[in-house]
C-alpha atoms as a PDB file:
ATOM      1  CA  MET A   1      91.481 118.395  82.682  1.00  0.00           C
ATOM      2  CA  GLU A   2      91.991 117.512  86.455  1.00  0.00           C
ATOM      3  CA  GLU A   3      89.049 116.867  88.709  1.00  0.00           C
ATOM      4  CA  ARG A   4      89.337 116.249  92.438  1.00  0.00           C
ATOM      5  CA  PHE A   5      87.449 113.584  94.316  1.00  0.00           C
ATOM      6  CA  GLU A   6      87.480 112.433  98.224  1.00  0.00           C
ATOM      7  CA  ILE A   7      88.706 109.233  99.107  1.00  0.00           C
ATOM      8  CA  LYS A   8      89.054 106.718 102.726  1.00  0.00           C
ATOM      9  CA  MET A   9      92.488 105.599 103.465  1.00  0.00           C
ATOM     10  CA  TYR A  10      92.696 102.570 105.974  1.00  0.00           C
ATOM     11  CA  GLY A  11      95.798 100.063 106.904  1.00  0.00           C
ATOM     12  CA  VAL A  12      95.307  96.396 105.701  1.00  0.00           C
ATOM     13  CA  ASN A  13      97.064  93.434 108.188  1.00  0.00           C
ATOM     14  CA  TYR A  14      97.507  90.175 107.618  1.00  0.00           C
ATOM     15  CA  LYS A  15      97.049  87.534 110.527  1.00  0.00           C
ATOM     16  CA  CYS A  16      98.971  85.038 111.567  1.00  0.00           C
ATOM     17  CA  LYS A  17      98.110  81.313 110.307  1.00  0.00           C
ATOM     18  CA  GLU A  18      99.950  79.930 113.143  1.00  0.00           C
ATOM     19  CA  CYS A  19      99.429  81.825 116.462  1.00  0.00           C
ATOM     20  CA  LYS A  20      96.420  83.552 114.870  1.00  0.00           C
ATOM     21  CA  THR A  21      97.041  86.274 117.126  1.00  0.00           C
ATOM     22  CA  GLY A  22     100.456  88.345 115.554  1.00  0.00           C
ATOM     23  CA  ASN A  23     100.681  90.136 112.045  1.00  0.00           C
ATOM     24  CA  MET A  24     102.376  89.051 109.215  1.00  0.00           C
ATOM     25  CA  CYS A  25     105.154  92.138 108.512  1.00  0.00           C
ATOM     26  CA  GLU A  26     107.423  92.103 105.517  1.00  0.00           C
ATOM     27  CA  HIS A  27     110.823  90.881 106.418  1.00  0.00           C
ATOM     28  CA  ASN A  28     114.103  91.413 104.839  1.00  0.00           C
ATOM     29  CA  GLY A  29     113.189  92.366 101.808  1.00  0.00           C
ATOM     30  CA  LYS A  30     113.557  89.212 100.818  1.00  0.00           C
ATOM     31  CA  SER A  31     111.221  88.059  98.180  1.00  0.00           C
ATOM     32  CA  LEU A  32     110.851  85.081  95.730  1.00  0.00           C
ATOM     33  CA  CYS A  33     111.531  85.402  92.092  1.00  0.00           C
ATOM     34  CA  THR A  34     108.026  84.159  90.837  1.00  0.00           C
ATOM     35  CA  ASN A  35     105.071  85.826  88.700  1.00  0.00           C
ATOM     36  CA  PRO A  36     104.075  87.506  90.413  1.00  0.00           C
ATOM     37  CA  PRO A  37     106.986  88.084  92.880  1.00  0.00           C
ATOM     38  CA  GLN A  38     106.155  86.709  96.914  1.00  0.00           C
ATOM     39  CA  TYR A  39     107.813  88.908  99.785  1.00  0.00           C
ATOM     40  CA  LEU A  40     108.725  87.100 102.988  1.00  0.00           C
ATOM     41  CA  HIS A  41     106.939  88.129 106.124  1.00  0.00           C
ATOM     42  CA  LYS A  42     107.525  87.241 109.529  1.00  0.00           C
ATOM     43  CA  CYS A  43     104.798  87.179 112.745  1.00  0.00           C
ATOM     44  CA  ASP A  44     105.320  89.587 115.319  1.00  0.00           C
ATOM     45  CA  ASN A  45     104.531  87.416 117.925  1.00  0.00           C
ATOM     46  CA  CYS A  46     105.334  83.791 117.336  1.00  0.00           C
ATOM     47  CA  ASP A  47     108.348  84.236 114.571  1.00  0.00           C
ATOM     48  CA  ALA A  48     106.717  82.568 111.722  1.00  0.00           C
ATOM     49  CA  GLU A  49     107.405  82.804 107.865  1.00  0.00           C
ATOM     50  CA  GLU A  50     105.174  82.798 105.246  1.00  0.00           C
ATOM     51  CA  TYR A  51     105.794  84.243 101.468  1.00  0.00           C
ATOM     52  CA  LEU A  52     103.117  86.581 100.593  1.00  0.00           C
ATOM     53  CA  LEU A  53     101.744  87.903  97.261  1.00  0.00           C
ATOM     54  CA  ASN A  54     101.162  91.477  98.990  1.00  0.00           C
ATOM     55  CA  ARG A  55     103.416  93.729 101.499  1.00  0.00           C
ATOM     56  CA  TYR A  56     101.616  93.974 104.889  1.00  0.00           C
ATOM     57  CA  PRO A  57     100.709  95.979 106.245  1.00  0.00           C
ATOM     58  CA  LEU A  58      99.923  97.829 103.119  1.00  0.00           C
ATOM     59  CA  MET A  59      97.187 100.805 102.610  1.00  0.00           C
ATOM     60  CA  LYS A  60      94.066 100.821 100.497  1.00  0.00           C
ATOM     61  CA  CYS A  61      91.887 103.809  99.465  1.00  0.00           C
ATOM     62  CA  GLU A  62      88.154 103.475  98.794  1.00  0.00           C
ATOM     63  CA  ASP A  63      86.639 106.287  96.455  1.00  0.00           C
ATOM     64  CA  LEU A  64      83.774 107.674  98.341  1.00  0.00           C
ATOM     65  CA  SER A  65      82.206 109.449  95.151  1.00  0.00           C
END
């Protein structure tokens, strides 16, 4: 049986470790074939690159019930 519940959606950014100003955004869809995979991201401010376990920006939800 289906049951409805209320959620709250929010976005999550990953701040650049280099400039500490920009946000890391997934870049070119490149990933490392590791377990788990890591995704290439590029800073929208200084162009620094880093492989991360999540694809940013990402959306999360929180159960409010």
